[in-house]
Amino acid sequence: MRHAAFVLAVSLAAVSGAAAGDAPQPRGVIELFTSQGCSSCPPADRLARELSRDGNNLVLTLPVDYWDYLGWKDTLASPANTARQKAYASARGDRKVFTPQIIVNGVETTLGGDGAAVAGAVTRAEAEAKALTLPVAVKVADGRVAVTVAQPKRPLAESRGEVWAFALDRNRTVQIGRGENAGRSVSYVNVVRKMTRLGAWDGATVHFEVPLDEVARPETDAIAVLVQAGSGGQPGAILGAAVDKAVPAQGTSGLLSGLSREPL
């Protein structure tokens, strides 16, 4: 698994050609659907952390709630995360909903704990010449979130979509007390705690600005923005993405408590 993650990191770096210290837009969006009640999930959670160390990847962890009946209620799970996973299955038409499941760039699904399969999915996504080329920028400052989606320099296969803000908890460790993972301590990266539809994108430049507290939670310490074809009920390919990472002011917790900026 470590080897597959390393190969994936090298291939993405070669594609992007970004110099060290740059803060490019992500070239791959990797969504992991996981659960604290799933005995097969901890290896996928570790893989997600490894992949997130490559700045070309935007890794999102989306804990789901449908395994809560097994004896442990997932402390990070959200019905919205479960709904997003089911919406992907509906859009694909295959009804494949399982954990751990990874979806790459909104278009390809694979087993979340299989490093080689994930590497292959991202490589195929990267082979698409226009993958994640829509210019997106997000800035969090003065208690507000500003998002700009620019008109693409060249036509894309999809000229319409939706703009979504994801409130992230960048690092969270949970001690699991019961269920299939009882006694395990599991660390998660970029946990999605809230997702908010900002509006539509119709091919032209569009700008959104909203109060931070409309899209974040107290534990939020980063905001990711995705522009995605389709709709929330039928999500399609991810066209562009951006992240504003922030660390809370000393002695506070989360973006809502105070902001200082850190590069992507």
C-alpha atoms as a PDB file:
ATOM      1  CA  MET A   1       0.000   0.000   0.000  1.00  0.00           C
ATOM      2  CA  ARG A   2       2.815   2.416   0.818  1.00  0.00           C
ATOM      3  CA  HIS A   3       4.428   1.642  -2.511  1.00  0.00           C
ATOM      4  CA  ALA A   4       1.188   2.341  -4.374  1.00  0.00           C
ATOM      5  CA  ALA A   5       0.768   5.627  -2.539  1.00  0.00           C
ATOM      6  CA  PHE A   6       4.345   6.598  -3.421  1.00  0.00           C
ATOM      7  CA  VAL A   7       3.820   5.748  -7.101  1.00  0.00           C
ATOM      8  CA  LEU A   8       0.625   7.789  -7.104  1.00  0.00           C
ATOM      9  CA  ALA A   9       2.376  10.789  -5.553  1.00  0.00           C
ATOM     10  CA  VAL A  10       5.194  10.652  -8.091  1.00  0.00           C
ATOM     11  CA  SER A  11       2.837  10.362 -11.064  1.00  0.00           C
ATOM     12  CA  LEU A  12       0.742  13.327  -9.925  1.00  0.00           C
ATOM     13  CA  ALA A  13       3.813  15.469  -9.339  1.00  0.00           C
ATOM     14  CA  ALA A  14       5.084  14.687 -12.808  1.00  0.00           C
ATOM     15  CA  VAL A  15       1.766  15.644 -14.379  1.00  0.00           C
ATOM     16  CA  SER A  16       1.446  18.937 -12.547  1.00  0.00           C
ATOM     17  CA  GLY A  17       5.046  20.084 -13.001  1.00  0.00           C
ATOM     18  CA  ALA A  18       4.561  22.502 -10.103  1.00  0.00           C
ATOM     19  CA  ALA A  19       7.652  23.880  -8.451  1.00  0.00           C
ATOM     20  CA  ALA A  20       8.277  23.263  -4.780  1.00  0.00           C
ATOM     21  CA  GLY A  21       6.534  25.836  -2.643  1.00  0.00           C
ATOM     22  CA  ASP A  22       3.819  26.582  -5.222  1.00  0.00           C
ATOM     23  CA  ALA A  23       0.181  26.240  -4.218  1.00  0.00           C
ATOM     24  CA  PRO A  24      -1.465  24.827  -7.350  1.00  0.00           C
ATOM     25  CA  GLN A  25      -5.067  23.776  -7.657  1.00  0.00           C
ATOM     26  CA  PRO A  26      -5.568  20.114  -6.807  1.00  0.00           C
ATOM     27  CA  ARG A  27      -5.219  17.762  -9.762  1.00  0.00           C
ATOM     28  CA  GLY A  28      -7.066  14.907  -8.122  1.00  0.00           C
ATOM     29  CA  VAL A  29     -10.052  14.921  -5.755  1.00  0.00           C
ATOM     30  CA  ILE A  30     -10.184  11.709  -3.748  1.00  0.00           C
ATOM     31  CA  GLU A  31     -13.337  11.141  -1.682  1.00  0.00           C
ATOM     32  CA  LEU A  32     -13.163   8.363   0.902  1.00  0.00           C
ATOM     33  CA  PHE A  33     -16.448   7.068   2.327  1.00  0.00           C
ATOM     34  CA  THR A  34     -15.605   5.359   5.589  1.00  0.00           C
ATOM     35  CA  SER A  35     -17.049   4.368   8.963  1.00  0.00           C
ATOM     36  CA  GLN A  36     -15.755   3.823  12.465  1.00  0.00           C
ATOM     37  CA  GLY A  37     -17.980   0.726  12.565  1.00  0.00           C
ATOM     38  CA  CYS A  38     -16.338  -0.887   9.516  1.00  0.00           C
ATOM     39  CA  SER A  39     -13.510  -3.326  10.277  1.00  0.00           C
ATOM     40  CA  SER A  40     -12.124  -2.957   6.726  1.00  0.00           C
ATOM     41  CA  CYS A  41     -11.857   0.834   6.927  1.00  0.00           C
ATOM     42  CA  PRO A  42      -8.729   1.599   9.017  1.00  0.00           C
ATOM     43  CA  PRO A  43      -6.305   0.643   6.181  1.00  0.00           C
ATOM     44  CA  ALA A  44      -8.233   2.993   3.860  1.00  0.00           C
ATOM     45  CA  ASP A  45      -8.105   5.746   6.476  1.00  0.00           C
ATOM     46  CA  ARG A  46      -4.315   5.343   6.634  1.00  0.00           C
ATOM     47  CA  LEU A  47      -4.069   5.400   2.846  1.00  0.00           C
ATOM     48  CA  ALA A  48      -6.094   8.634   2.759  1.00  0.00           C
ATOM     49  CA  ARG A  49      -3.612  10.236   5.139  1.00  0.00           C
ATOM     50  CA  GLU A  50      -0.684   9.138   2.947  1.00  0.00           C
ATOM     51  CA  LEU A  51      -2.323  10.490  -0.207  1.00  0.00           C
ATOM     52  CA  SER A  52      -3.125  13.797   1.457  1.00  0.00           C
ATOM     53  CA  ARG A  53       0.594  14.510   1.949  1.00  0.00           C
ATOM     54  CA  ASP A  54       0.877  15.121  -1.790  1.00  0.00           C
ATOM     55  CA  GLY A  55      -0.246  18.690  -2.457  1.00  0.00           C
ATOM     56  CA  ASN A  56      -1.643  17.624  -5.833  1.00  0.00           C
ATOM     57  CA  ASN A  57      -4.311  15.591  -4.062  1.00  0.00           C
ATOM     58  CA  LEU A  58      -7.386  16.943  -2.362  1.00  0.00           C
ATOM     59  CA  VAL A  59      -8.440  14.096  -0.090  1.00  0.00           C
ATOM     60  CA  LEU A  60     -11.861  14.331   1.548  1.00  0.00           C
ATOM     61  CA  THR A  61     -12.961  11.883   4.249  1.00  0.00           C
ATOM     62  CA  LEU A  62     -16.731  11.434   4.427  1.00  0.00           C
ATOM     63  CA  PRO A  63     -17.826   9.252   7.387  1.00  0.00           C
ATOM     64  CA  VAL A  64     -21.208   7.608   6.781  1.00  0.00           C
ATOM     65  CA  ASP A  65     -23.833   6.553   9.308  1.00  0.00           C
ATOM     66  CA  TYR A  66     -25.380   3.348   7.966  1.00  0.00           C
ATOM     67  CA  TRP A  67     -23.161   1.038  10.064  1.00  0.00           C
ATOM     68  CA  ASP A  68     -24.096   2.731  13.346  1.00  0.00           C
ATOM     69  CA  TYR A  69     -26.408  -0.167  14.252  1.00  0.00           C
ATOM     70  CA  LEU A  70     -23.417  -2.542  14.614  1.00  0.00           C
ATOM     71  CA  GLY A  71     -22.715  -1.400  18.164  1.00  0.00           C
ATOM     72  CA  TRP A  72     -20.856   1.886  17.746  1.00  0.00           C
ATOM     73  CA  LYS A  73     -22.262   5.184  16.537  1.00  0.00           C
ATOM     74  CA  ASP A  74     -19.702   6.906  14.310  1.00  0.00           C
ATOM     75  CA  THR A  75     -18.798  10.151  16.075  1.00  0.00           C
ATOM     76  CA  LEU A  76     -18.030  11.986  12.809  1.00  0.00           C
ATOM     77  CA  ALA A  77     -20.693  10.551  10.523  1.00  0.00           C
ATOM     78  CA  SER A  78     -23.270  12.692   8.764  1.00  0.00           C
ATOM     79  CA  PRO A  79     -26.478  11.775   6.911  1.00  0.00           C
ATOM     80  CA  ALA A  80     -25.354  14.278   4.266  1.00  0.00           C
ATOM     81  CA  ASN A  81     -22.206  12.212   3.629  1.00  0.00           C
ATOM     82  CA  THR A  82     -24.329   9.078   3.254  1.00  0.00           C
ATOM     83  CA  ALA A  83     -26.662  10.914   0.879  1.00  0.00           C
ATOM     84  CA  ARG A  84     -23.708  12.026  -1.259  1.00  0.00           C
ATOM     85  CA  GLN A  85     -22.421   8.466  -1.542  1.00  0.00           C
ATOM     86  CA  LYS A  86     -25.863   7.202  -2.533  1.00  0.00           C
ATOM     87  CA  ALA A  87     -26.236  10.036  -5.043  1.00  0.00           C
ATOM     88  CA  TYR A  88     -23.007   8.944  -6.731  1.00  0.00           C
ATOM     89  CA  ALA A  89     -24.348   5.385  -6.957  1.00  0.00           C
ATOM     90  CA  SER A  90     -27.597   6.665  -8.431  1.00  0.00           C
ATOM     91  CA  ALA A  91     -25.753   8.790 -10.997  1.00  0.00           C
ATOM     92  CA  ARG A  92     -23.604   5.808 -12.040  1.00  0.00           C
ATOM     93  CA  GLY A  93     -26.607   3.496 -12.071  1.00  0.00           C
ATOM     94  CA  ASP A  94     -24.752   0.657 -10.347  1.00  0.00           C
ATOM     95  CA  ARG A  95     -26.102   1.035  -6.771  1.00  0.00           C
ATOM     96  CA  LYS A  96     -22.613   0.312  -5.379  1.00  0.00           C
ATOM     97  CA  VAL A  97     -22.565   1.743  -1.858  1.00  0.00           C
ATOM     98  CA  PHE A  98     -19.997   0.240   0.507  1.00  0.00           C
ATOM     99  CA  THR A  99     -17.172   1.083   2.877  1.00  0.00           C
ATOM    100  CA  PRO A 100     -14.399   1.800   2.396  1.00  0.00           C
ATOM    101  CA  GLN A 101     -15.168   3.315  -0.996  1.00  0.00           C
ATOM    102  CA  ILE A 102     -13.101   5.895  -2.863  1.00  0.00           C
ATOM    103  CA  ILE A 103     -14.431   8.042  -5.700  1.00  0.00           C
ATOM    104  CA  VAL A 104     -11.887   9.906  -7.812  1.00  0.00           C
ATOM    105  CA  ASN A 105     -12.768  13.212  -9.496  1.00  0.00           C
ATOM    106  CA  GLY A 106     -16.432  12.301  -9.191  1.00  0.00           C
ATOM    107  CA  VAL A 107     -16.228   9.701 -11.953  1.00  0.00           C
ATOM    108  CA  GLU A 108     -14.510   6.462 -10.908  1.00  0.00           C
ATOM    109  CA  THR A 109     -15.140   4.307  -7.872  1.00  0.00           C
ATOM    110  CA  THR A 110     -12.809   1.770  -6.308  1.00  0.00           C
ATOM    111  CA  LEU A 111     -12.208  -0.150  -3.094  1.00  0.00           C
ATOM    112  CA  GLY A 112     -10.862   2.361  -0.593  1.00  0.00           C
ATOM    113  CA  GLY A 113      -8.212   0.160   0.966  1.00  0.00           C
ATOM    114  CA  ASP A 114      -6.662  -1.032  -2.300  1.00  0.00           C
ATOM    115  CA  GLY A 115      -3.708   1.299  -2.871  1.00  0.00           C
ATOM    116  CA  ALA A 116      -2.941  -0.046  -6.351  1.00  0.00           C
ATOM    117  CA  ALA A 117      -6.556   0.315  -7.472  1.00  0.00           C
ATOM    118  CA  VAL A 118      -6.722   3.872  -6.146  1.00  0.00           C
ATOM    119  CA  ALA A 119      -3.446   4.743  -7.875  1.00  0.00           C
ATOM    120  CA  GLY A 120      -4.833   3.377 -11.132  1.00  0.00           C
ATOM    121  CA  ALA A 121      -8.051   5.359 -10.774  1.00  0.00           C
ATOM    122  CA  VAL A 122      -6.181   8.617 -10.188  1.00  0.00           C
ATOM    123  CA  THR A 123      -3.794   7.904 -13.079  1.00  0.00           C
ATOM    124  CA  ARG A 124      -6.753   7.375 -15.404  1.00  0.00           C
ATOM    125  CA  ALA A 125      -8.401  10.548 -14.124  1.00  0.00           C
ATOM    126  CA  GLU A 126      -5.177  12.462 -14.741  1.00  0.00           C
ATOM    127  CA  ALA A 127      -5.064  11.135 -18.301  1.00  0.00           C
ATOM    128  CA  GLU A 128      -8.145  13.206 -19.051  1.00  0.00           C
ATOM    129  CA  ALA A 129      -6.665  16.346 -20.610  1.00  0.00           C
ATOM    130  CA  LYS A 130      -9.257  18.666 -19.090  1.00  0.00           C
ATOM    131  CA  ALA A 131      -9.520  17.043 -15.655  1.00  0.00           C
ATOM    132  CA  LEU A 132      -9.916  19.678 -12.921  1.00  0.00           C
ATOM    133  CA  THR A 133      -8.802  22.492 -15.217  1.00  0.00           C
ATOM    134  CA  LEU A 134     -11.590  24.907 -14.321  1.00  0.00           C
ATOM    135  CA  PRO A 135      -9.954  27.815 -12.421  1.00  0.00           C
ATOM    136  CA  VAL A 136     -11.280  28.025  -8.857  1.00  0.00           C
ATOM    137  CA  ALA A 137     -10.105  30.260  -6.015  1.00  0.00           C
ATOM    138  CA  VAL A 138     -11.232  30.412  -2.380  1.00  0.00           C
ATOM    139  CA  LYS A 139     -10.174  32.827   0.340  1.00  0.00           C
ATOM    140  CA  VAL A 140     -11.224  32.922   3.970  1.00  0.00           C
ATOM    141  CA  ALA A 141     -10.705  36.277   5.664  1.00  0.00           C
ATOM    142  CA  ASP A 142     -12.471  38.589   8.096  1.00  0.00           C
ATOM    143  CA  GLY A 143     -15.162  36.062   8.862  1.00  0.00           C
ATOM    144  CA  ARG A 144     -16.171  35.590   5.234  1.00  0.00           C
ATOM    145  CA  VAL A 145     -15.573  33.062   2.481  1.00  0.00           C
ATOM    146  CA  ALA A 146     -14.980  34.420  -1.016  1.00  0.00           C
ATOM    147  CA  VAL A 147     -15.067  32.060  -3.995  1.00  0.00           C
ATOM    148  CA  THR A 148     -14.370  32.824  -7.643  1.00  0.00           C
ATOM    149  CA  VAL A 149     -14.900  30.401 -10.503  1.00  0.00           C
ATOM    150  CA  ALA A 150     -13.324  31.813 -13.646  1.00  0.00           C
ATOM    151  CA  GLN A 151     -14.417  31.242 -17.193  1.00  0.00           C
ATOM    152  CA  PRO A 152     -12.247  28.438 -18.620  1.00  0.00           C
ATOM    153  CA  LYS A 153      -9.639  29.418 -21.199  1.00  0.00           C
ATOM    154  CA  ARG A 154     -10.688  26.477 -23.346  1.00  0.00           C
ATOM    155  CA  PRO A 155     -14.124  24.837 -23.642  1.00  0.00           C
ATOM    156  CA  LEU A 156     -14.841  21.975 -21.263  1.00  0.00           C
ATOM    157  CA  ALA A 157     -16.955  18.913 -21.930  1.00  0.00           C
ATOM    158  CA  GLU A 158     -19.304  20.225 -19.216  1.00  0.00           C
ATOM    159  CA  SER A 159     -20.279  23.893 -19.251  1.00  0.00           C
ATOM    160  CA  ARG A 160     -22.644  23.820 -16.268  1.00  0.00           C
ATOM    161  CA  GLY A 161     -22.383  22.659 -12.706  1.00  0.00           C
ATOM    162  CA  GLU A 162     -22.765  23.476  -9.041  1.00  0.00           C
ATOM    163  CA  VAL A 163     -20.384  25.172  -6.637  1.00  0.00           C
ATOM    164  CA  TRP A 164     -20.068  23.529  -3.216  1.00  0.00           C
ATOM    165  CA  ALA A 165     -18.226  24.511  -0.047  1.00  0.00           C
ATOM    166  CA  PHE A 166     -16.981  21.746   2.258  1.00  0.00           C
ATOM    167  CA  ALA A 167     -16.133  22.484   5.884  1.00  0.00           C
ATOM    168  CA  LEU A 168     -13.152  20.344   6.887  1.00  0.00           C
ATOM    169  CA  ASP A 169     -11.672  19.156  10.158  1.00  0.00           C
ATOM    170  CA  ARG A 170      -8.131  18.551   8.901  1.00  0.00           C
ATOM    171  CA  ASN A 171      -6.957  16.132  11.594  1.00  0.00           C
ATOM    172  CA  ARG A 172      -9.081  14.116  13.978  1.00  0.00           C
ATOM    173  CA  THR A 173      -8.212  11.029  16.039  1.00  0.00           C
ATOM    174  CA  VAL A 174     -10.998   8.912  17.525  1.00  0.00           C
ATOM    175  CA  GLN A 175     -10.732   6.215  20.174  1.00  0.00           C
ATOM    176  CA  ILE A 176     -13.382   3.646  19.225  1.00  0.00           C
ATOM    177  CA  GLY A 177     -15.028   2.050  22.221  1.00  0.00           C
ATOM    178  CA  ARG A 178     -17.287  -0.638  20.777  1.00  0.00           C
ATOM    179  CA  GLY A 179     -18.180  -2.455  17.596  1.00  0.00           C
ATOM    180  CA  GLU A 180     -15.903  -4.072  15.026  1.00  0.00           C
ATOM    181  CA  ASN A 181     -13.044  -1.635  15.723  1.00  0.00           C
ATOM    182  CA  ALA A 182     -13.344  -1.630  19.508  1.00  0.00           C
ATOM    183  CA  GLY A 183     -10.115  -0.540  21.172  1.00  0.00           C
ATOM    184  CA  ARG A 184      -8.648   1.006  18.026  1.00  0.00           C
ATOM    185  CA  SER A 185      -7.471   4.604  17.742  1.00  0.00           C
ATOM    186  CA  VAL A 186      -8.089   5.831  14.198  1.00  0.00           C
ATOM    187  CA  SER A 187      -6.801   9.090  12.715  1.00  0.00           C
ATOM    188  CA  TYR A 188      -8.676  10.845   9.938  1.00  0.00           C
ATOM    189  CA  VAL A 189      -7.679  13.585   7.502  1.00  0.00           C
ATOM    190  CA  ASN A 190      -9.869  16.339   6.039  1.00  0.00           C
ATOM    191  CA  VAL A 191     -13.108  15.113   7.576  1.00  0.00           C
ATOM    192  CA  VAL A 192     -16.130  16.667   5.891  1.00  0.00           C
ATOM    193  CA  ARG A 193     -18.349  18.055   8.659  1.00  0.00           C
ATOM    194  CA  LYS A 194     -20.655  20.187   6.513  1.00  0.00           C
ATOM    195  CA  MET A 195     -21.314  20.796   2.812  1.00  0.00           C
ATOM    196  CA  THR A 196     -23.096  23.835   1.436  1.00  0.00           C
ATOM    197  CA  ARG A 197     -24.297  24.563  -2.091  1.00  0.00           C
ATOM    198  CA  LEU A 198     -23.151  28.086  -2.956  1.00  0.00           C
ATOM    199  CA  GLY A 199     -24.898  28.262  -6.319  1.00  0.00           C
ATOM    200  CA  ALA A 200     -24.734  27.383  -9.983  1.00  0.00           C
ATOM    201  CA  TRP A 201     -21.932  27.783 -12.516  1.00  0.00           C
ATOM    202  CA  ASP A 202     -23.043  28.314 -16.128  1.00  0.00           C
ATOM    203  CA  GLY A 203     -19.737  28.581 -17.946  1.00  0.00           C
ATOM    204  CA  ALA A 204     -19.030  32.242 -17.213  1.00  0.00           C
ATOM    205  CA  THR A 205     -17.023  33.774 -14.378  1.00  0.00           C
ATOM    206  CA  VAL A 206     -18.998  33.736 -11.144  1.00  0.00           C
ATOM    207  CA  HIS A 207     -18.247  35.011  -7.644  1.00  0.00           C
ATOM    208  CA  PHE A 208     -19.741  34.067  -4.289  1.00  0.00           C
ATOM    209  CA  GLU A 209     -19.168  35.615  -0.882  1.00  0.00           C
ATOM    210  CA  VAL A 210     -20.862  34.329   2.267  1.00  0.00           C
ATOM    211  CA  PRO A 211     -20.381  34.629   6.034  1.00  0.00           C
ATOM    212  CA  LEU A 212     -18.054  31.940   7.335  1.00  0.00           C
ATOM    213  CA  ASP A 213     -20.570  30.723   9.880  1.00  0.00           C
ATOM    214  CA  GLU A 214     -22.972  29.802   7.064  1.00  0.00           C
ATOM    215  CA  VAL A 215     -20.615  27.175   5.687  1.00  0.00           C
ATOM    216  CA  ALA A 216     -18.448  26.177   8.686  1.00  0.00           C
ATOM    217  CA  ARG A 217     -18.719  24.547  12.094  1.00  0.00           C
ATOM    218  CA  PRO A 218     -16.755  25.426  15.247  1.00  0.00           C
ATOM    219  CA  GLU A 219     -14.171  22.690  14.594  1.00  0.00           C
ATOM    220  CA  THR A 220     -13.641  23.721  10.949  1.00  0.00           C
ATOM    221  CA  ASP A 221     -10.038  24.586  10.077  1.00  0.00           C
ATOM    222  CA  ALA A 222     -10.168  24.500   6.271  1.00  0.00           C
ATOM    223  CA  ILE A 223     -12.650  25.215   3.501  1.00  0.00           C
ATOM    224  CA  ALA A 224     -12.620  23.256   0.251  1.00  0.00           C
ATOM    225  CA  VAL A 225     -14.590  24.282  -2.809  1.00  0.00           C
ATOM    226  CA  LEU A 226     -15.615  21.956  -5.624  1.00  0.00           C
ATOM    227  CA  VAL A 227     -17.266  22.783  -8.925  1.00  0.00           C
ATOM    228  CA  GLN A 228     -19.087  19.668 -10.028  1.00  0.00           C
ATOM    229  CA  ALA A 229     -21.161  18.780 -13.062  1.00  0.00           C
ATOM    230  CA  GLY A 230     -24.671  17.511 -12.477  1.00  0.00           C
ATOM    231  CA  SER A 231     -26.501  18.207  -9.248  1.00  0.00           C
ATOM    232  CA  GLY A 232     -26.432  17.262  -5.591  1.00  0.00           C
ATOM    233  CA  GLY A 233     -28.812  14.414  -6.346  1.00  0.00           C
ATOM    234  CA  GLN A 234     -26.955  13.315  -9.477  1.00  0.00           C
ATOM    235  CA  PRO A 235     -23.308  14.400  -9.075  1.00  0.00           C
ATOM    236  CA  GLY A 236     -21.016  14.178 -12.083  1.00  0.00           C
ATOM    237  CA  ALA A 237     -17.397  14.921 -12.880  1.00  0.00           C
ATOM    238  CA  ILE A 238     -15.539  17.391 -10.688  1.00  0.00           C
ATOM    239  CA  LEU A 239     -14.431  20.247 -12.928  1.00  0.00           C
ATOM    240  CA  GLY A 240     -12.298  22.277 -10.534  1.00  0.00           C
ATOM    241  CA  ALA A 241     -11.316  22.493  -6.892  1.00  0.00           C
ATOM    242  CA  ALA A 242      -9.519  24.721  -4.407  1.00  0.00           C
ATOM    243  CA  VAL A 243      -8.746  24.759  -0.690  1.00  0.00           C
ATOM    244  CA  ASP A 244      -8.066  27.460   1.849  1.00  0.00           C
ATOM    245  CA  LYS A 245      -6.304  25.876   4.798  1.00  0.00           C
ATOM    246  CA  ALA A 246      -6.176  27.881   7.993  1.00  0.00           C
ATOM    247  CA  VAL A 247      -4.897  27.264  11.478  1.00  0.00           C
ATOM    248  CA  PRO A 248      -6.745  28.653  14.488  1.00  0.00           C
ATOM    249  CA  ALA A 249      -5.278  31.401  16.582  1.00  0.00           C
ATOM    250  CA  GLN A 250      -3.316  30.128  19.577  1.00  0.00           C
ATOM    251  CA  GLY A 251      -5.516  28.948  22.389  1.00  0.00           C
ATOM    252  CA  THR A 252      -8.647  28.690  20.225  1.00  0.00           C
ATOM    253  CA  SER A 253     -10.289  25.961  18.213  1.00  0.00           C
ATOM    254  CA  GLY A 254     -11.376  26.098  14.611  1.00  0.00           C
ATOM    255  CA  LEU A 255     -11.818  28.716  11.935  1.00  0.00           C
ATOM    256  CA  LEU A 256     -14.709  30.338  13.730  1.00  0.00           C
ATOM    257  CA  SER A 257     -12.436  31.154  16.658  1.00  0.00           C
ATOM    258  CA  GLY A 258      -9.782  33.070  14.723  1.00  0.00           C
ATOM    259  CA  LEU A 259      -7.840  32.815  11.503  1.00  0.00           C
ATOM    260  CA  SER A 260      -4.295  32.817  10.282  1.00  0.00           C
ATOM    261  CA  ARG A 261      -3.456  31.621   6.790  1.00  0.00           C
ATOM    262  CA  GLU A 262      -1.303  28.694   5.707  1.00  0.00           C
ATOM    263  CA  PRO A 263      -0.487  27.921   2.071  1.00  0.00           C
ATOM    264  CA  LEU A 264      -1.987  24.886   0.354  1.00  0.00           C
END
